[in-house]
Each structure stands twice: as structure tokens, then as C-alpha cells.
Amino acid sequence: MSNDDAIQRRLTSQVVHAQKDMYQFAQNSQDQPFNVSDMYAFQNEMLDLSNANWASSQYTQYKHGIRKAIIDAIN
């Protein structure tokens, strides 16, 4: 399925980037002792991923709502 929506591509890119950052942080911290700042840094990476997923979901719901409103207005 072709996706010509620039906003959706950008949001998807942000989700992928946040996932890679979180994974990379976890990999880099794997063989080191943890401290409180590491836990906060990992939590921030998880929040970034959560925010990116939320924004993408909200945009998808918005697009669906607009399309439904247009179809309902035609009918």
C-alpha cells in the first residue's frame, strides 16, 4: 500500500527513530552497572517512544474521522 501522506511518513519515522534510540540505549547499558540516572534516561527514552506512538495514533484517528465525515456528508 502506497503512503503519500507526508505527515504520516514523518510520524512513522519518529516512531522508528524512538524505537531505535531506546533499543540502542538498552544495548549500550547492558554490560554496565545501573544507577538512578540510567533508569531516568531509559524512562525518558520510553516516554519518547510512547509520545511518538500516541501522536501517530491521534493522526490516524483524525484522518479516519475526516474521511467518515466526508462520506457521511455525501450520503
PDB file of N, CA and C in Angstrom:
ATOM      1  N   MET A   1       0.842  -1.178   0.000  1.00  0.00           N
ATOM      2  CA  MET A   1       0.000   0.000   0.000  1.00  0.00           C
ATOM      3  C   MET A   1       0.881   1.233   0.000  1.00  0.00           C
ATOM      4  N   SER A   2       0.655   2.095  -0.948  1.00  0.00           N
ATOM      5  CA  SER A   2       1.444   3.313  -1.067  1.00  0.00           C
ATOM      6  C   SER A   2       0.963   4.341  -0.054  1.00  0.00           C
ATOM      7  N   ASN A   3       1.904   5.026   0.559  1.00  0.00           N
ATOM      8  CA  ASN A   3       1.559   6.045   1.546  1.00  0.00           C
ATOM      9  C   ASN A   3       2.141   7.372   1.091  1.00  0.00           C
ATOM     10  N   ASP A   4       1.282   8.237   0.536  1.00  0.00           N
ATOM     11  CA  ASP A   4       1.724   9.534   0.041  1.00  0.00           C
ATOM     12  C   ASP A   4       1.547  10.640   1.068  1.00  0.00           C
ATOM     13  N   ASP A   5       1.117  10.299   2.261  1.00  0.00           N
ATOM     14  CA  ASP A   5       0.855  11.284   3.298  1.00  0.00           C
ATOM     15  C   ASP A   5       2.165  11.647   4.008  1.00  0.00           C
ATOM     16  N   ALA A   6       2.640  12.857   3.789  1.00  0.00           N
ATOM     17  CA  ALA A   6       3.919  13.293   4.355  1.00  0.00           C
ATOM     18  C   ALA A   6       3.891  13.329   5.882  1.00  0.00           C
ATOM     19  N   ILE A   7       2.776  13.729   6.452  1.00  0.00           N
ATOM     20  CA  ILE A   7       2.680  13.790   7.915  1.00  0.00           C
ATOM     21  C   ILE A   7       2.765  12.391   8.502  1.00  0.00           C
ATOM     22  N   GLN A   8       2.038  11.441   7.895  1.00  0.00           N
ATOM     23  CA  GLN A   8       2.074  10.064   8.394  1.00  0.00           C
ATOM     24  C   GLN A   8       3.472   9.465   8.259  1.00  0.00           C
ATOM     25  N   ARG A   9       4.138   9.750   7.150  1.00  0.00           N
ATOM     26  CA  ARG A   9       5.517   9.258   6.974  1.00  0.00           C
ATOM     27  C   ARG A   9       6.428   9.832   8.049  1.00  0.00           C
ATOM     28  N   ARG A  10       6.265  11.107   8.357  1.00  0.00           N
ATOM     29  CA  ARG A  10       7.090  11.754   9.383  1.00  0.00           C
ATOM     30  C   ARG A  10       6.820  11.142  10.758  1.00  0.00           C
ATOM     31  N   LEU A  11       5.550  10.919  11.080  1.00  0.00           N
ATOM     32  CA  LEU A  11       5.211  10.322  12.371  1.00  0.00           C
ATOM     33  C   LEU A  11       5.736   8.890  12.473  1.00  0.00           C
ATOM     34  N   THR A  12       5.622   8.130  11.408  1.00  0.00           N
ATOM     35  CA  THR A  12       6.152   6.766  11.394  1.00  0.00           C
ATOM     36  C   THR A  12       7.663   6.781  11.566  1.00  0.00           C
ATOM     37  N   SER A  13       8.314   7.710  10.907  1.00  0.00           N
ATOM     38  CA  SER A  13       9.760   7.854  11.042  1.00  0.00           C
ATOM     39  C   SER A  13      10.147   8.175  12.484  1.00  0.00           C
ATOM     40  N   GLN A  14       9.377   9.023  13.135  1.00  0.00           N
ATOM     41  CA  GLN A  14       9.654   9.375  14.533  1.00  0.00           C
ATOM     42  C   GLN A  14       9.500   8.158  15.449  1.00  0.00           C
ATOM     43  N   VAL A  15       8.486   7.320  15.189  1.00  0.00           N
ATOM     44  CA  VAL A  15       8.289   6.114  15.996  1.00  0.00           C
ATOM     45  C   VAL A  15       9.480   5.176  15.825  1.00  0.00           C
ATOM     46  N   VAL A  16       9.888   4.968  14.583  1.00  0.00           N
ATOM     47  CA  VAL A  16      11.021   4.076  14.314  1.00  0.00           C
ATOM     48  C   VAL A  16      12.289   4.621  14.964  1.00  0.00           C
ATOM     49  N   HIS A  17      12.501   5.922  14.851  1.00  0.00           N
ATOM     50  CA  HIS A  17      13.689   6.551  15.446  1.00  0.00           C
ATOM     51  C   HIS A  17      13.680   6.390  16.972  1.00  0.00           C
ATOM     52  N   ALA A  18      12.522   6.598  17.592  1.00  0.00           N
ATOM     53  CA  ALA A  18      12.416   6.453  19.050  1.00  0.00           C
ATOM     54  C   ALA A  18      12.656   5.007  19.475  1.00  0.00           C
ATOM     55  N   GLN A  19      12.141   4.042  18.685  1.00  0.00           N
ATOM     56  CA  GLN A  19      12.375   2.634  18.999  1.00  0.00           C
ATOM     57  C   GLN A  19      13.863   2.301  18.915  1.00  0.00           C
ATOM     58  N   LYS A  20      14.512   2.784  17.877  1.00  0.00           N
ATOM     59  CA  LYS A  20      15.945   2.510  17.716  1.00  0.00           C
ATOM     60  C   LYS A  20      16.753   3.142  18.842  1.00  0.00           C
ATOM     61  N   ASP A  21      16.402   4.385  19.228  1.00  0.00           N
ATOM     62  CA  ASP A  21      17.105   5.049  20.327  1.00  0.00           C
ATOM     63  C   ASP A  21      16.961   4.276  21.629  1.00  0.00           C
ATOM     64  N   MET A  22      15.744   3.809  21.920  1.00  0.00           N
ATOM     65  CA  MET A  22      15.523   3.068  23.152  1.00  0.00           C
ATOM     66  C   MET A  22      16.304   1.753  23.139  1.00  0.00           C
ATOM     67  N   TYR A  23      16.251   1.050  22.006  1.00  0.00           N
ATOM     68  CA  TYR A  23      16.978  -0.207  21.879  1.00  0.00           C
ATOM     69  C   TYR A  23      18.486   0.021  22.005  1.00  0.00           C
ATOM     70  N   GLN A  24      18.989   1.059  21.353  1.00  0.00           N
ATOM     71  CA  GLN A  24      20.425   1.360  21.405  1.00  0.00           C
ATOM     72  C   GLN A  24      20.862   1.703  22.827  1.00  0.00           C
ATOM     73  N   PHE A  25      20.044   2.470  23.535  1.00  0.00           N
ATOM     74  CA  PHE A  25      20.368   2.809  24.918  1.00  0.00           C
ATOM     75  C   PHE A  25      20.432   1.549  25.773  1.00  0.00           C
ATOM     76  N   ALA A  26      19.454   0.659  25.585  1.00  0.00           N
ATOM     77  CA  ALA A  26      19.441  -0.589  26.363  1.00  0.00           C
ATOM     78  C   ALA A  26      20.659  -1.445  26.032  1.00  0.00           C
ATOM     79  N   GLN A  27      21.021  -1.512  24.758  1.00  0.00           N
ATOM     80  CA  GLN A  27      22.190  -2.299  24.354  1.00  0.00           C
ATOM     81  C   GLN A  27      23.474  -1.708  24.937  1.00  0.00           C
ATOM     82  N   ASN A  28      23.605  -0.408  24.909  1.00  0.00           N
ATOM     83  CA  ASN A  28      24.821   0.244  25.425  1.00  0.00           C
ATOM     84  C   ASN A  28      24.951   0.091  26.936  1.00  0.00           C
ATOM     85  N   SER A  29      23.830  -0.021  27.626  1.00  0.00           N
ATOM     86  CA  SER A  29      23.846  -0.108  29.084  1.00  0.00           C
ATOM     87  C   SER A  29      23.865  -1.543  29.591  1.00  0.00           C
ATOM     88  N   GLN A  30      23.845  -2.490  28.696  1.00  0.00           N
ATOM     89  CA  GLN A  30      23.668  -3.889  29.071  1.00  0.00           C
ATOM     90  C   GLN A  30      24.773  -4.411  29.995  1.00  0.00           C
ATOM     91  N   ASP A  31      26.018  -4.116  29.721  1.00  0.00           N
ATOM     92  CA  ASP A  31      27.126  -4.692  30.484  1.00  0.00           C
ATOM     93  C   ASP A  31      27.682  -3.757  31.552  1.00  0.00           C
ATOM     94  N   GLN A  32      26.938  -2.709  31.866  1.00  0.00           N
ATOM     95  CA  GLN A  32      27.410  -1.741  32.845  1.00  0.00           C
ATOM     96  C   GLN A  32      26.494  -1.764  34.069  1.00  0.00           C
ATOM     97  N   PRO A  33      27.038  -1.412  35.224  1.00  0.00           N
ATOM     98  CA  PRO A  33      26.169  -1.332  36.403  1.00  0.00           C
ATOM     99  C   PRO A  33      25.180  -0.158  36.249  1.00  0.00           C
ATOM    100  N   PHE A  34      23.978  -0.360  36.749  1.00  0.00           N
ATOM    101  CA  PHE A  34      22.938   0.660  36.621  1.00  0.00           C
ATOM    102  C   PHE A  34      22.958   1.587  37.814  1.00  0.00           C
ATOM    103  N   ASN A  35      22.574   2.820  37.572  1.00  0.00           N
ATOM    104  CA  ASN A  35      22.364   3.762  38.659  1.00  0.00           C
ATOM    105  C   ASN A  35      21.065   4.516  38.382  1.00  0.00           C
ATOM    106  N   VAL A  36      20.711   5.422  39.247  1.00  0.00           N
ATOM    107  CA  VAL A  36      19.436   6.125  39.131  1.00  0.00           C
ATOM    108  C   VAL A  36      19.366   6.942  37.840  1.00  0.00           C
ATOM    109  N   SER A  37      20.431   7.576  37.459  1.00  0.00           N
ATOM    110  CA  SER A  37      20.399   8.387  36.233  1.00  0.00           C
ATOM    111  C   SER A  37      20.180   7.508  34.996  1.00  0.00           C
ATOM    112  N   ASP A  38      20.691   6.288  35.000  1.00  0.00           N
ATOM    113  CA  ASP A  38      20.441   5.362  33.895  1.00  0.00           C
ATOM    114  C   ASP A  38      18.957   5.001  33.803  1.00  0.00           C
ATOM    115  N   MET A  39      18.352   4.790  34.959  1.00  0.00           N
ATOM    116  CA  MET A  39      16.928   4.456  34.971  1.00  0.00           C
ATOM    117  C   MET A  39      16.092   5.618  34.447  1.00  0.00           C
ATOM    118  N   TYR A  40      16.445   6.845  34.855  1.00  0.00           N
ATOM    119  CA  TYR A  40      15.724   8.012  34.357  1.00  0.00           C
ATOM    120  C   TYR A  40      15.942   8.207  32.862  1.00  0.00           C
ATOM    121  N   ALA A  41      17.135   7.971  32.394  1.00  0.00           N
ATOM    122  CA  ALA A  41      17.423   8.110  30.964  1.00  0.00           C
ATOM    123  C   ALA A  41      16.628   7.082  30.161  1.00  0.00           C
ATOM    124  N   PHE A  42      16.568   5.848  30.644  1.00  0.00           N
ATOM    125  CA  PHE A  42      15.786   4.830  29.950  1.00  0.00           C
ATOM    126  C   PHE A  42      14.302   5.167  29.985  1.00  0.00           C
ATOM    127  N   GLN A  43      13.836   5.669  31.099  1.00  0.00           N
ATOM    128  CA  GLN A  43      12.433   6.078  31.202  1.00  0.00           C
ATOM    129  C   GLN A  43      12.134   7.193  30.194  1.00  0.00           C
ATOM    130  N   ASN A  44      13.057   8.127  30.031  1.00  0.00           N
ATOM    131  CA  ASN A  44      12.862   9.195  29.052  1.00  0.00           C
ATOM    132  C   ASN A  44      12.808   8.648  27.629  1.00  0.00           C
ATOM    133  N   GLU A  45      13.626   7.656  27.331  1.00  0.00           N
ATOM    134  CA  GLU A  45      13.576   7.022  26.011  1.00  0.00           C
ATOM    135  C   GLU A  45      12.225   6.338  25.799  1.00  0.00           C
ATOM    136  N   MET A  46      11.731   5.677  26.840  1.00  0.00           N
ATOM    137  CA  MET A  46      10.423   5.026  26.736  1.00  0.00           C
ATOM    138  C   MET A  46       9.306   6.057  26.566  1.00  0.00           C
ATOM    139  N   LEU A  47       9.404   7.187  27.245  1.00  0.00           N
ATOM    140  CA  LEU A  47       8.405   8.235  27.096  1.00  0.00           C
ATOM    141  C   LEU A  47       8.428   8.828  25.691  1.00  0.00           C
ATOM    142  N   ASP A  48       9.618   8.984  25.128  1.00  0.00           N
ATOM    143  CA  ASP A  48       9.722   9.469  23.752  1.00  0.00           C
ATOM    144  C   ASP A  48       9.007   8.519  22.793  1.00  0.00           C
ATOM    145  N   LEU A  49       9.207   7.226  22.984  1.00  0.00           N
ATOM    146  CA  LEU A  49       8.548   6.227  22.146  1.00  0.00           C
ATOM    147  C   LEU A  49       7.037   6.275  22.352  1.00  0.00           C
ATOM    148  N   SER A  50       6.609   6.379  23.579  1.00  0.00           N
ATOM    149  CA  SER A  50       5.181   6.459  23.877  1.00  0.00           C
ATOM    150  C   SER A  50       4.550   7.690  23.230  1.00  0.00           C
ATOM    151  N   ASN A  51       5.220   8.828  23.322  1.00  0.00           N
ATOM    152  CA  ASN A  51       4.703  10.062  22.720  1.00  0.00           C
ATOM    153  C   ASN A  51       4.626   9.954  21.206  1.00  0.00           C
ATOM    154  N   ALA A  52       5.614   9.347  20.594  1.00  0.00           N
ATOM    155  CA  ALA A  52       5.608   9.181  19.140  1.00  0.00           C
ATOM    156  C   ALA A  52       4.457   8.271  18.714  1.00  0.00           C
ATOM    157  N   ASN A  53       4.235   7.190  19.448  1.00  0.00           N
ATOM    158  CA  ASN A  53       3.117   6.293  19.148  1.00  0.00           C
ATOM    159  C   ASN A  53       1.776   6.988  19.340  1.00  0.00           C
ATOM    160  N   TRP A  54       1.659   7.779  20.393  1.00  0.00           N
ATOM    161  CA  TRP A  54       0.412   8.496  20.655  1.00  0.00           C
ATOM    162  C   TRP A  54       0.104   9.486  19.538  1.00  0.00           C
ATOM    163  N   ALA A  55       1.106  10.243  19.113  1.00  0.00           N
ATOM    164  CA  ALA A  55       0.898  11.219  18.043  1.00  0.00           C
ATOM    165  C   ALA A  55       0.474  10.534  16.750  1.00  0.00           C
ATOM    166  N   SER A  56       1.106   9.431  16.429  1.00  0.00           N
ATOM    167  CA  SER A  56       0.747   8.685  15.226  1.00  0.00           C
ATOM    168  C   SER A  56      -0.684   8.168  15.320  1.00  0.00           C
ATOM    169  N   SER A  57      -1.062   7.661  16.463  1.00  0.00           N
ATOM    170  CA  SER A  57      -2.416   7.156  16.671  1.00  0.00           C
ATOM    171  C   SER A  57      -3.450   8.277  16.559  1.00  0.00           C
ATOM    172  N   GLN A  58      -3.161   9.422  17.153  1.00  0.00           N
ATOM    173  CA  GLN A  58      -4.085  10.548  17.081  1.00  0.00           C
ATOM    174  C   GLN A  58      -4.282  11.018  15.645  1.00  0.00           C
ATOM    175  N   TYR A  59      -3.216  11.044  14.885  1.00  0.00           N
ATOM    176  CA  TYR A  59      -3.315  11.466  13.493  1.00  0.00           C
ATOM    177  C   TYR A  59      -4.141  10.467  12.682  1.00  0.00           C
ATOM    178  N   THR A  60      -3.951   9.183  12.942  1.00  0.00           N
ATOM    179  CA  THR A  60      -4.733   8.156  12.250  1.00  0.00           C
ATOM    180  C   THR A  60      -6.218   8.307  12.580  1.00  0.00           C
ATOM    181  N   GLN A  61      -6.541   8.557  13.839  1.00  0.00           N
ATOM    182  CA  GLN A  61      -7.932   8.760  14.231  1.00  0.00           C
ATOM    183  C   GLN A  61      -8.505  10.009  13.574  1.00  0.00           C
ATOM    184  N   TYR A  62      -7.703  11.054  13.488  1.00  0.00           N
ATOM    185  CA  TYR A  62      -8.124  12.295  12.843  1.00  0.00           C
ATOM    186  C   TYR A  62      -8.464  12.044  11.372  1.00  0.00           C
ATOM    187  N   LYS A  63      -7.565  11.339  10.669  1.00  0.00           N
ATOM    188  CA  LYS A  63      -7.804  11.052   9.252  1.00  0.00           C
ATOM    189  C   LYS A  63      -9.077  10.228   9.071  1.00  0.00           C
ATOM    190  N   HIS A  64      -9.260   9.235   9.931  1.00  0.00           N
ATOM    191  CA  HIS A  64     -10.456   8.404   9.841  1.00  0.00           C
ATOM    192  C   HIS A  64     -11.706   9.254  10.061  1.00  0.00           C
ATOM    193  N   GLY A  65     -11.675  10.125  11.053  1.00  0.00           N
ATOM    194  CA  GLY A  65     -12.829  10.980  11.351  1.00  0.00           C
ATOM    195  C   GLY A  65     -13.161  11.920  10.200  1.00  0.00           C
ATOM    196  N   ILE A  66     -12.147  12.502   9.600  1.00  0.00           N
ATOM    197  CA  ILE A  66     -12.371  13.408   8.465  1.00  0.00           C
ATOM    198  C   ILE A  66     -12.972  12.640   7.286  1.00  0.00           C
ATOM    199  N   ARG A  67     -12.416  11.485   6.986  1.00  0.00           N
ATOM    200  CA  ARG A  67     -12.937  10.685   5.872  1.00  0.00           C
ATOM    201  C   ARG A  67     -14.373  10.254   6.119  1.00  0.00           C
ATOM    202  N   LYS A  68     -14.675   9.851   7.350  1.00  0.00           N
ATOM    203  CA  LYS A  68     -16.035   9.441   7.681  1.00  0.00           C
ATOM    204  C   LYS A  68     -16.980  10.617   7.552  1.00  0.00           C
ATOM    205  N   ALA A  69     -16.569  11.792   8.007  1.00  0.00           N
ATOM    206  CA  ALA A  69     -17.416  12.981   7.908  1.00  0.00           C
ATOM    207  C   ALA A  69     -17.696  13.335   6.453  1.00  0.00           C
ATOM    208  N   ILE A  70     -16.714  13.207   5.599  1.00  0.00           N
ATOM    209  CA  ILE A  70     -16.896  13.497   4.173  1.00  0.00           C
ATOM    210  C   ILE A  70     -17.871  12.502   3.552  1.00  0.00           C
ATOM    211  N   ILE A  71     -17.695  11.219   3.859  1.00  0.00           N
ATOM    212  CA  ILE A  71     -18.594  10.198   3.316  1.00  0.00           C
ATOM    213  C   ILE A  71     -20.022  10.418   3.829  1.00  0.00           C
ATOM    214  N   ASP A  72     -20.154  10.730   5.117  1.00  0.00           N
ATOM    215  CA  ASP A  72     -21.483  10.979   5.671  1.00  0.00           C
ATOM    216  C   ASP A  72     -22.122  12.209   5.035  1.00  0.00           C
ATOM    217  N   ALA A  73     -21.332  13.237   4.730  1.00  0.00           N
ATOM    218  CA  ALA A  73     -21.874  14.449   4.121  1.00  0.00           C
ATOM    219  C   ALA A  73     -22.335  14.181   2.690  1.00  0.00           C
ATOM    220  N   ILE A  74     -21.646  13.274   1.997  1.00  0.00           N
ATOM    221  CA  ILE A  74     -22.031  12.929   0.630  1.00  0.00           C
ATOM    222  C   ILE A  74     -23.344  12.142   0.633  1.00  0.00           C
ATOM    223  N   ASN A  75     -23.458  11.248   1.606  1.00  0.00           N
ATOM    224  CA  ASN A  75     -24.665  10.408   1.683  1.00  0.00           C
ATOM    225  C   ASN A  75     -25.753  11.194   2.315  1.00  0.00           C
TER     226      ASN A  75
END
